[in-house]
C-alpha atoms as a PDB file:
ATOM      1  CA  MET A   1      -2.926   6.785 -24.390  1.00  0.00           C
ATOM      2  CA  SER A   2      -6.028   6.891 -26.608  1.00  0.00           C
ATOM      3  CA  ASN A   3      -8.653   9.411 -25.563  1.00  0.00           C
ATOM      4  CA  GLU A   4     -11.536   7.014 -24.936  1.00  0.00           C
ATOM      5  CA  VAL A   5     -14.749   8.605 -23.627  1.00  0.00           C
ATOM      6  CA  ALA A   6     -17.248   7.433 -20.977  1.00  0.00           C
ATOM      7  CA  THR A   7     -20.636   9.149 -20.759  1.00  0.00           C
ATOM      8  CA  PHE A   8     -22.929   8.658 -17.745  1.00  0.00           C
ATOM      9  CA  THR A   9     -25.015  10.442 -15.121  1.00  0.00           C
ATOM     10  CA  ALA A  10     -24.020  11.171 -11.508  1.00  0.00           C
ATOM     11  CA  ASN A  11     -26.295  12.920  -9.014  1.00  0.00           C
ATOM     12  CA  GLY A  12     -28.565  13.994 -11.870  1.00  0.00           C
ATOM     13  CA  GLU A  13     -25.692  15.541 -13.848  1.00  0.00           C
ATOM     14  CA  ASN A  14     -24.464  14.365 -17.252  1.00  0.00           C
ATOM     15  CA  ILE A  15     -20.768  13.484 -17.054  1.00  0.00           C
ATOM     16  CA  GLU A  16     -18.336  13.062 -19.958  1.00  0.00           C
ATOM     17  CA  LEU A  17     -15.086  11.525 -18.798  1.00  0.00           C
ATOM     18  CA  THR A  18     -12.090  10.906 -21.071  1.00  0.00           C
ATOM     19  CA  MET A  19      -8.846   9.019 -20.506  1.00  0.00           C
ATOM     20  CA  ASN A  20      -6.949  12.284 -20.866  1.00  0.00           C
ATOM     21  CA  ASP A  21      -9.120  13.826 -18.132  1.00  0.00           C
ATOM     22  CA  VAL A  22      -8.274  10.902 -15.841  1.00  0.00           C
ATOM     23  CA  ALA A  23      -4.530  10.956 -16.565  1.00  0.00           C
ATOM     24  CA  ASN A  24      -4.123  14.754 -16.411  1.00  0.00           C
ATOM     25  CA  TYR A  25      -6.502  15.877 -13.657  1.00  0.00           C
ATOM     26  CA  LEU A  26      -7.687  13.011 -11.465  1.00  0.00           C
ATOM     27  CA  VAL A  27      -4.496  11.196 -10.399  1.00  0.00           C
ATOM     28  CA  ASP A  28      -2.779  11.831  -7.057  1.00  0.00           C
ATOM     29  CA  GLY A  29       0.724  10.514  -6.368  1.00  0.00           C
ATOM     30  CA  ASN A  30       4.022  10.576  -8.237  1.00  0.00           C
ATOM     31  CA  SER A  31       3.568   8.186 -11.168  1.00  0.00           C
ATOM     32  CA  LYS A  32       1.650   7.923 -14.407  1.00  0.00           C
ATOM     33  CA  ILE A  33      -1.229   5.473 -14.631  1.00  0.00           C
ATOM     34  CA  THR A  34      -1.535   2.841 -17.333  1.00  0.00           C
ATOM     35  CA  ARG A  35      -4.280   2.711 -19.946  1.00  0.00           C
ATOM     36  CA  GLN A  36      -5.786  -0.275 -18.146  1.00  0.00           C
ATOM     37  CA  GLU A  37      -5.890   1.602 -14.822  1.00  0.00           C
ATOM     38  CA  ALA A  38      -7.516   4.612 -16.500  1.00  0.00           C
ATOM     39  CA  LYS A  39     -10.100   2.337 -18.109  1.00  0.00           C
ATOM     40  CA  MET A  40     -10.888   0.626 -14.783  1.00  0.00           C
ATOM     41  CA  PHE A  41     -11.359   4.018 -13.119  1.00  0.00           C
ATOM     42  CA  MET A  42     -13.683   5.218 -15.861  1.00  0.00           C
ATOM     43  CA  GLU A  43     -15.764   2.050 -15.538  1.00  0.00           C
ATOM     44  CA  LEU A  44     -15.931   2.486 -11.751  1.00  0.00           C
ATOM     45  CA  CYS A  45     -17.251   6.042 -12.119  1.00  0.00           C
ATOM     46  CA  LYS A  46     -19.693   5.009 -14.823  1.00  0.00           C
ATOM     47  CA  TYR A  47     -21.043   1.925 -13.042  1.00  0.00           C
ATOM     48  CA  GLN A  48     -21.233   3.568  -9.599  1.00  0.00           C
ATOM     49  CA  HIS A  49     -22.421   6.962 -10.966  1.00  0.00           C
ATOM     50  CA  LEU A  50     -19.611   8.883  -9.278  1.00  0.00           C
ATOM     51  CA  ASN A  51     -18.581  12.402 -10.275  1.00  0.00           C
ATOM     52  CA  PRO A  52     -14.742  12.459 -10.243  1.00  0.00           C
ATOM     53  CA  PHE A  53     -14.685  16.235 -10.836  1.00  0.00           C
ATOM     54  CA  LEU A  54     -16.304  16.658  -7.393  1.00  0.00           C
ATOM     55  CA  LYS A  55     -13.718  14.267  -5.915  1.00  0.00           C
ATOM     56  CA  GLU A  56     -16.321  11.559  -5.340  1.00  0.00           C
ATOM     57  CA  ALA A  57     -13.696   9.270  -6.869  1.00  0.00           C
ATOM     58  CA  TYR A  58     -10.023   9.626  -7.772  1.00  0.00           C
ATOM     59  CA  ILE A  59      -6.843   7.593  -8.362  1.00  0.00           C
ATOM     60  CA  ILE A  60      -3.696   7.322  -6.263  1.00  0.00           C
ATOM     61  CA  LYS A  61      -0.544   6.020  -7.967  1.00  0.00           C
ATOM     62  CA  PHE A  62       2.933   5.696  -6.387  1.00  0.00           C
ATOM     63  CA  GLY A  63       5.933   4.163  -8.125  1.00  0.00           C
ATOM     64  CA  ASN A  64       5.314   0.730  -9.602  1.00  0.00           C
ATOM     65  CA  LYS A  65       2.529  -0.135  -7.172  1.00  0.00           C
ATOM     66  CA  PRO A  66      -0.924  -0.841  -8.602  1.00  0.00           C
ATOM     67  CA  ALA A  67      -3.107   2.255  -8.768  1.00  0.00           C
ATOM     68  CA  GLN A  68      -5.717   2.606  -6.011  1.00  0.00           C
ATOM     69  CA  LEU A  69      -9.227   3.493  -7.149  1.00  0.00           C
ATOM     70  CA  ILE A  70     -10.533   5.640  -4.300  1.00  0.00           C
ATOM     71  CA  THR A  71     -14.105   6.614  -3.411  1.00  0.00           C
ATOM     72  CA  SER A  72     -14.783   9.426  -0.927  1.00  0.00           C
ATOM     73  CA  LYS A  73     -16.666   8.878   2.340  1.00  0.00           C
ATOM     74  CA  GLU A  74     -19.176  11.501   1.201  1.00  0.00           C
ATOM     75  CA  ALA A  75     -19.996   9.362  -1.844  1.00  0.00           C
ATOM     76  CA  PHE A  76     -20.679   6.414   0.494  1.00  0.00           C
ATOM     77  CA  MET A  77     -23.023   8.530   2.593  1.00  0.00           C
ATOM     78  CA  LYS A  78     -24.869   9.913  -0.444  1.00  0.00           C
ATOM     79  CA  ARG A  79     -25.363   6.435  -1.856  1.00  0.00           C
ATOM     80  CA  ALA A  80     -26.681   5.085   1.439  1.00  0.00           C
ATOM     81  CA  GLU A  81     -29.009   8.038   2.040  1.00  0.00           C
ATOM     82  CA  ASN A  82     -30.471   7.635  -1.446  1.00  0.00           C
ATOM     83  CA  ASN A  83     -31.400   4.041  -0.682  1.00  0.00           C
ATOM     84  CA  GLU A  84     -35.047   3.749   0.385  1.00  0.00           C
ATOM     85  CA  GLN A  85     -34.118   1.173   3.051  1.00  0.00           C
ATOM     86  CA  TYR A  86     -31.556   3.368   4.829  1.00  0.00           C
ATOM     87  CA  ALA A  87     -32.633   4.213   8.402  1.00  0.00           C
ATOM     88  CA  GLY A  88     -29.592   5.953   9.880  1.00  0.00           C
ATOM     89  CA  LEU A  89     -26.398   4.985  11.674  1.00  0.00           C
ATOM     90  CA  LYS A  90     -24.517   5.229  14.956  1.00  0.00           C
ATOM     91  CA  ALA A  91     -20.745   5.121  15.268  1.00  0.00           C
ATOM     92  CA  GLY A  92     -17.966   5.623  17.763  1.00  0.00           C
ATOM     93  CA  ILE A  93     -14.593   4.467  18.994  1.00  0.00           C
ATOM     94  CA  ILE A  94     -13.281   1.707  21.228  1.00  0.00           C
ATOM     95  CA  VAL A  95     -10.775   2.804  23.879  1.00  0.00           C
ATOM     96  CA  LEU A  96      -8.703   1.236  26.609  1.00  0.00           C
ATOM     97  CA  ARG A  97      -9.494   3.205  29.792  1.00  0.00           C
ATOM     98  CA  ASN A  98      -8.049   2.270  33.183  1.00  0.00           C
ATOM     99  CA  GLY A  99      -7.427  -1.258  31.982  1.00  0.00           C
ATOM    100  CA  GLU A 100     -10.979  -1.713  30.630  1.00  0.00           C
ATOM    101  CA  ILE A 101     -12.433  -1.688  27.110  1.00  0.00           C
ATOM    102  CA  VAL A 102     -14.967   1.146  26.700  1.00  0.00           C
ATOM    103  CA  TYR A 103     -17.282   1.796  23.731  1.00  0.00           C
ATOM    104  CA  SER A 104     -17.623   5.539  23.217  1.00  0.00           C
ATOM    105  CA  ASN A 105     -20.088   7.403  20.983  1.00  0.00           C
ATOM    106  CA  GLY A 106     -18.647   9.780  18.420  1.00  0.00           C
ATOM    107  CA  ALA A 107     -14.891  10.433  18.329  1.00  0.00           C
ATOM    108  CA  PHE A 108     -14.411  11.784  21.845  1.00  0.00           C
ATOM    109  CA  ALA A 109     -11.582  10.294  23.933  1.00  0.00           C
ATOM    110  CA  LEU A 110      -9.858  11.328  27.149  1.00  0.00           C
ATOM    111  CA  GLN A 111      -6.178  12.215  27.007  1.00  0.00           C
ATOM    112  CA  THR A 112      -5.461   9.126  29.090  1.00  0.00           C
ATOM    113  CA  ASP A 113      -7.448   6.852  26.760  1.00  0.00           C
ATOM    114  CA  LYS A 114      -5.766   4.599  24.225  1.00  0.00           C
ATOM    115  CA  VAL A 115      -7.822   4.335  21.028  1.00  0.00           C
ATOM    116  CA  VAL A 116      -7.798   0.673  19.996  1.00  0.00           C
ATOM    117  CA  GLY A 117     -10.649   0.483  17.485  1.00  0.00           C
ATOM    118  CA  GLY A 118     -13.878   1.803  16.040  1.00  0.00           C
ATOM    119  CA  TRP A 119     -17.469   0.583  15.732  1.00  0.00           C
ATOM    120  CA  ALA A 120     -20.544   1.413  13.662  1.00  0.00           C
ATOM    121  CA  ASP A 121     -24.190   0.343  13.413  1.00  0.00           C
ATOM    122  CA  VAL A 122     -26.066   0.891  10.146  1.00  0.00           C
ATOM    123  CA  TYR A 123     -29.850   0.495  10.213  1.00  0.00           C
ATOM    124  CA  ARG A 124     -32.097  -0.679   7.411  1.00  0.00           C
ATOM    125  CA  LYS A 125     -35.894  -0.432   7.428  1.00  0.00           C
ATOM    126  CA  ASP A 126     -36.285  -3.981   6.147  1.00  0.00           C
ATOM    127  CA  ARG A 127     -34.155  -5.621   8.873  1.00  0.00           C
ATOM    128  CA  LYS A 128     -34.654  -6.007  12.594  1.00  0.00           C
ATOM    129  CA  GLU A 129     -31.008  -5.816  13.637  1.00  0.00           C
ATOM    130  CA  PRO A 130     -28.440  -3.211  12.535  1.00  0.00           C
ATOM    131  CA  HIS A 131     -25.322  -4.169  10.641  1.00  0.00           C
ATOM    132  CA  HIS A 132     -22.723  -3.955  13.408  1.00  0.00           C
ATOM    133  CA  VAL A 133     -19.017  -3.585  12.583  1.00  0.00           C
ATOM    134  CA  GLU A 134     -16.007  -3.404  14.903  1.00  0.00           C
ATOM    135  CA  ILE A 135     -12.507  -2.791  13.536  1.00  0.00           C
ATOM    136  CA  SER A 136      -9.114  -2.531  15.235  1.00  0.00           C
ATOM    137  CA  MET A 137      -6.694   0.368  15.068  1.00  0.00           C
ATOM    138  CA  GLN A 138      -3.811  -2.072  14.661  1.00  0.00           C
ATOM    139  CA  GLU A 139      -5.258  -3.469  11.437  1.00  0.00           C
ATOM    140  CA  PHE A 140      -6.416  -0.268   9.747  1.00  0.00           C
ATOM    141  CA  SER A 141      -4.065   2.511  10.859  1.00  0.00           C
ATOM    142  CA  LYS A 142      -1.666   3.472   8.080  1.00  0.00           C
ATOM    143  CA  GLY A 143       0.642   5.428  10.391  1.00  0.00           C
ATOM    144  CA  GLN A 144       0.181   8.594   8.319  1.00  0.00           C
ATOM    145  CA  SER A 145       0.015  12.065   9.839  1.00  0.00           C
ATOM    146  CA  THR A 146      -3.792  12.178   9.961  1.00  0.00           C
ATOM    147  CA  TRP A 147      -3.933   8.809  11.703  1.00  0.00           C
ATOM    148  CA  LYS A 148      -1.395  10.043  14.258  1.00  0.00           C
ATOM    149  CA  SER A 149      -3.036  13.413  14.893  1.00  0.00           C
ATOM    150  CA  MET A 150      -6.698  12.310  14.669  1.00  0.00           C
ATOM    151  CA  PRO A 151      -6.787   8.556  15.403  1.00  0.00           C
ATOM    152  CA  ALA A 152     -10.318   8.600  16.864  1.00  0.00           C
ATOM    153  CA  THR A 153     -11.802  10.486  13.900  1.00  0.00           C
ATOM    154  CA  MET A 154     -10.052   8.282  11.354  1.00  0.00           C
ATOM    155  CA  ILE A 155     -10.942   4.911  12.879  1.00  0.00           C
ATOM    156  CA  ARG A 156     -14.581   5.970  13.387  1.00  0.00           C
ATOM    157  CA  LYS A 157     -14.841   7.082   9.746  1.00  0.00           C
ATOM    158  CA  THR A 158     -13.351   3.799   8.554  1.00  0.00           C
ATOM    159  CA  ALA A 159     -15.793   1.824  10.706  1.00  0.00           C
ATOM    160  CA  ILE A 160     -18.708   3.740   9.136  1.00  0.00           C
ATOM    161  CA  VAL A 161     -17.495   2.994   5.608  1.00  0.00           C
ATOM    162  CA  ASN A 162     -17.131  -0.730   6.340  1.00  0.00           C
ATOM    163  CA  ALA A 163     -20.562  -0.916   7.981  1.00  0.00           C
ATOM    164  CA  LEU A 164     -22.222   0.913   5.070  1.00  0.00           C
ATOM    165  CA  ARG A 165     -20.620  -1.458   2.567  1.00  0.00           C
ATOM    166  CA  GLU A 166     -21.820  -4.454   4.552  1.00  0.00           C
ATOM    167  CA  ALA A 167     -25.348  -3.065   4.842  1.00  0.00           C
ATOM    168  CA  PHE A 168     -25.618  -2.110   1.163  1.00  0.00           C
ATOM    169  CA  PRO A 169     -23.368  -4.494  -0.780  1.00  0.00           C
ATOM    170  CA  GLU A 170     -25.343  -4.063  -4.006  1.00  0.00           C
ATOM    171  CA  ALA A 171     -24.706  -0.304  -4.003  1.00  0.00           C
ATOM    172  CA  LEU A 172     -21.284  -0.036  -2.329  1.00  0.00           C
ATOM    173  CA  GLY A 173     -19.534  -3.324  -3.053  1.00  0.00           C
ATOM    174  CA  GLY A 174     -16.144  -2.877  -4.721  1.00  0.00           C
ATOM    175  CA  MET A 175     -15.792   0.740  -3.557  1.00  0.00           C
ATOM    176  CA  TYR A 176     -12.947   1.712  -1.189  1.00  0.00           C
ATOM    177  CA  THR A 177     -11.914   4.928   0.507  1.00  0.00           C
ATOM    178  CA  GLU A 178      -8.322   6.090   0.928  1.00  0.00           C
ATOM    179  CA  ASP A 179      -8.369   5.112   4.606  1.00  0.00           C
ATOM    180  CA  ASP A 180     -10.161   1.829   4.028  1.00  0.00           C
ATOM    181  CA  LYS A 181      -8.492  -1.574   3.824  1.00  0.00           C
ATOM    182  CA  ASN A 182      -7.870  -1.906   0.092  1.00  0.00           C
ATOM    183  CA  PRO A 183      -7.657  -5.545  -1.089  1.00  0.00           C
ATOM    184  CA  ASN A 184      -4.508  -4.787  -3.117  1.00  0.00           C
ATOM    185  CA  GLU A 185      -2.536  -3.663  -0.067  1.00  0.00           C
ATOM    186  CA  PRO A 186      -1.800  -6.930   1.807  1.00  0.00           C
ATOM    187  CA  ALA A 187      -0.103  -8.592  -1.171  1.00  0.00           C
ATOM    188  CA  GLN A 188       1.897  -5.453  -1.863  1.00  0.00           C
ATOM    189  CA  GLU A 189       3.002  -5.151   1.777  1.00  0.00           C
ATOM    190  CA  VAL A 190       4.173  -8.780   1.767  1.00  0.00           C
ATOM    191  CA  LYS A 191       6.231  -8.130  -1.364  1.00  0.00           C
ATOM    192  CA  GLU A 192       7.816  -5.051   0.228  1.00  0.00           C
ATOM    193  CA  VAL A 193       8.686  -6.972   3.416  1.00  0.00           C
ATOM    194  CA  GLU A 194      10.204  -9.814   1.408  1.00  0.00           C
ATOM    195  CA  ALA A 195      12.210  -7.339  -0.661  1.00  0.00           C
ATOM    196  CA  THR A 196      13.498  -5.637   2.491  1.00  0.00           C
ATOM    197  CA  GLU A 197      14.547  -8.952   4.025  1.00  0.00           C
ATOM    198  CA  ARG A 198      16.349  -9.949   0.863  1.00  0.00           C
ATOM    199  CA  GLU A 199      18.066  -6.554   0.668  1.00  0.00           C
ATOM    200  CA  GLN A 200      19.346  -7.132   4.196  1.00  0.00           C
ATOM    201  CA  GLN A 201      20.555 -10.588   3.189  1.00  0.00           C
ATOM    202  CA  ALA A 202      22.274  -9.153   0.120  1.00  0.00           C
ATOM    203  CA  ASN A 203      23.984  -6.435   2.167  1.00  0.00           C
ATOM    204  CA  SER A 204      25.125  -9.058   4.650  1.00  0.00           C
ATOM    205  CA  ILE A 205      26.648 -11.122   1.844  1.00  0.00           C
ATOM    206  CA  LEU A 206      28.409  -8.067   0.474  1.00  0.00           C
ATOM    207  CA  LYS A 207      29.809  -7.122   3.891  1.00  0.00           C
ATOM    208  CA  GLY A 208      30.897 -10.709   4.452  1.00  0.00           C
ATOM    209  CA  ALA A 209      32.645 -10.825   1.107  1.00  0.00           C
ATOM    210  CA  THR A 210      34.474  -7.604   1.871  1.00  0.00           C
ATOM    211  CA  SER A 211      35.433  -8.836   5.347  1.00  0.00           C
ATOM    212  CA  ASN A 212      36.663 -12.195   4.019  1.00  0.00           C
ATOM    213  CA  ASN A 213      38.704 -10.404   1.402  1.00  0.00           C
ATOM    214  CA  ASN A 214      40.451  -8.342   4.091  1.00  0.00           C
ATOM    215  CA  VAL A 215      41.062 -11.384   6.309  1.00  0.00           C
ATOM    216  CA  GLN A 216      42.364 -13.465   3.429  1.00  0.00           C
ATOM    217  CA  THR A 217      44.772 -10.726   2.430  1.00  0.00           C
ATOM    218  CA  SER A 218      46.092 -10.463   5.957  1.00  0.00           C
ATOM    219  CA  ASN A 219      46.540 -14.245   6.392  1.00  0.00           C
ATOM    220  CA  ASP A 220      48.251 -14.780   3.077  1.00  0.00           C
ATOM    221  CA  THR A 221      50.628 -11.929   3.760  1.00  0.00           C
ATOM    222  CA  GLN A 222      51.618 -13.554   7.055  1.00  0.00           C
ATOM    223  CA  ASP A 223      52.151 -16.931   5.405  1.00  0.00           C
ATOM    224  CA  THR A 224      54.591 -15.468   2.902  1.00  0.00           C
ATOM    225  CA  PRO A 225      56.450 -12.742   4.803  1.00  0.00           C
ATOM    226  CA  ASN A 226      59.259 -12.678   2.294  1.00  0.00           C
ATOM    227  CA  GLU A 227      56.939 -12.030  -0.654  1.00  0.00           C
ATOM    228  CA  PRO A 228      54.225  -9.637   0.570  1.00  0.00           C
ATOM    229  CA  GLU A 229      53.597  -8.039  -2.802  1.00  0.00           C
ATOM    230  CA  GLN A 230      53.164 -11.379  -4.557  1.00  0.00           C
ATOM    231  CA  ALA A 231      50.798 -12.630  -1.817  1.00  0.00           C
ATOM    232  CA  GLU A 232      48.634  -9.525  -2.072  1.00  0.00           C
ATOM    233  CA  LYS A 233      48.546  -9.874  -5.856  1.00  0.00           C
ATOM    234  CA  ASP A 234      47.448 -13.523  -5.610  1.00  0.00           C
ATOM    235  CA  VAL A 235      44.679 -12.694  -3.160  1.00  0.00           C
ATOM    236  CA  LYS A 236      43.334  -9.914  -5.357  1.00  0.00           C
ATOM    237  CA  GLN A 237      43.243 -12.261  -8.337  1.00  0.00           C
ATOM    238  CA  GLN A 238      41.238 -14.816  -6.330  1.00  0.00           C
ATOM    239  CA  ASP A 239      38.823 -12.563  -4.453  1.00  0.00           C
ATOM    240  CA  GLU A 240      38.566  -9.252  -6.238  1.00  0.00           C
ATOM    241  CA  LYS A 241      36.455 -10.439  -9.148  1.00  0.00           C
ATOM    242  CA  PRO A 242      33.536 -11.984  -7.218  1.00  0.00           C
ATOM    243  CA  ASN A 243      33.488  -9.109  -4.732  1.00  0.00           C
ATOM    244  CA  ASP A 244      33.396  -6.593  -7.593  1.00  0.00           C
ATOM    245  CA  GLU A 245      30.566  -8.547  -9.201  1.00  0.00           C
ATOM    246  CA  ILE A 246      28.497  -8.368  -5.996  1.00  0.00           C
ATOM    247  CA  THR A 247      29.201  -4.653  -5.676  1.00  0.00           C
ATOM    248  CA  GLU A 248      28.115  -4.103  -9.265  1.00  0.00           C
ATOM    249  CA  ILE A 249      24.880  -6.047  -8.672  1.00  0.00           C
ATOM    250  CA  ILE A 250      24.124  -3.983  -5.542  1.00  0.00           C
ATOM    251  CA  GLN A 251      24.680  -0.783  -7.525  1.00  0.00           C
ATOM    252  CA  ASP A 252      22.432  -2.049 -10.309  1.00  0.00           C
ATOM    253  CA  TYR A 253      19.742  -2.859  -7.742  1.00  0.00           C
ATOM    254  CA  ASP A 254      19.906   0.665  -6.270  1.00  0.00           C
ATOM    255  CA  LYS A 255      19.455   2.067  -9.770  1.00  0.00           C
ATOM    256  CA  SER A 256      16.573  -0.318 -10.448  1.00  0.00           C
ATOM    257  CA  LYS A 257      14.465   0.921  -7.512  1.00  0.00           C
ATOM    258  CA  GLU A 258      12.814   3.374  -9.870  1.00  0.00           C
ATOM    259  CA  ASN A 259      12.303   0.642 -12.467  1.00  0.00           C
ATOM    260  CA  ASN A 260      10.146  -2.494 -12.533  1.00  0.00           C
ATOM    261  CA  GLN A 261       9.758  -5.076  -9.756  1.00  0.00           C
ATOM    262  CA  GLU A 262      10.900  -7.941 -12.016  1.00  0.00           C
ATOM    263  CA  GLU A 263      14.335  -6.376 -12.523  1.00  0.00           C
ATOM    264  CA  GLN A 264      14.745  -5.825  -8.768  1.00  0.00           C
ATOM    265  CA  THR A 265      13.822  -9.459  -8.076  1.00  0.00           C
ATOM    266  CA  GLU A 266      16.358 -10.783 -10.586  1.00  0.00           C
ATOM    267  CA  LEU A 267      19.151  -8.661  -9.099  1.00  0.00           C
ATOM    268  CA  LEU A 268      18.334  -9.822  -5.555  1.00  0.00           C
ATOM    269  CA  ASP A 269      18.347 -13.413  -6.818  1.00  0.00           C
ATOM    270  CA  ASP A 270      21.867 -12.899  -8.187  1.00  0.00           C
ATOM    271  CA  ILE A 271      23.121 -11.600  -4.850  1.00  0.00           C
ATOM    272  CA  THR A 272      21.422 -14.102  -2.537  1.00  0.00           C
ATOM    273  CA  GLY A 273      21.913 -17.111  -4.767  1.00  0.00           C
ATOM    274  CA  GLN A 274      18.206 -17.796  -5.190  1.00  0.00           C
ATOM    275  CA  PRO A 275      17.439 -20.072  -8.168  1.00  0.00           C
ATOM    276  CA  LYS A 276      15.584 -18.432 -11.045  1.00  0.00           C
ATOM    277  CA  ALA A 277      12.142 -19.633 -12.050  1.00  0.00           C
ATOM    278  CA  ASP A 278      13.441 -21.578 -15.065  1.00  0.00           C
ATOM    279  CA  GLU A 279      16.080 -23.277 -12.890  1.00  0.00           C
ATOM    280  CA  GLN A 280      13.685 -24.496 -10.186  1.00  0.00           C
END
């Protein structure tokens, strides 16, 4: 990776950011980022005047998934407060209490409450009405430990970020926090669900092949009681090869989980009998 340099200012400080800095110090996760992802991150910091060394922005990269370019909530607040039109905000949570929907200020909830969403109002001096946002827990919760232990705090924070972005699109558009709804996630989740379904289908085919092999062996042995060894040999010649091929494909797929998505897709196609792109 070439050590390209980006020079810019952030919060009055001169920042010099290199690709090596990004790759070696600013990536969270378990995988290496690509040159393109490093370049996109550098451009984000430069254009939005974010200081990555103060964790105003950072990258998360897991496996073969696209890298997430993350902006901190504090960076959102700083950007809004520096805007001359910013006039404050209010935010809270939405809970289900005794069968009724209740809008609560802050992140306070009773033990008997069920947190179902969050809300936020962001005020601008040049507009009569605040930018009001309501989001649901079902849509935004990632099921991670912080969302389980502090659901009210997390959903309120996410509501604030979404309201700030809506109120100041020219300053905050294209910036996403770790707990925000990143536009790359839906497509990725769909791919993962499809892959899981096809894995289940592949496993079912493998189990069925194994079961049919056992049944066929048993039936053929009964049909030729005087030649059991010959019957078993014939069955193995007929069924063993395809079953071994499926087993080998399954093993190859397990090995490919650490490799690229294209290889996984081709292996699943082989198992499930899906036509390849050039055959469709």
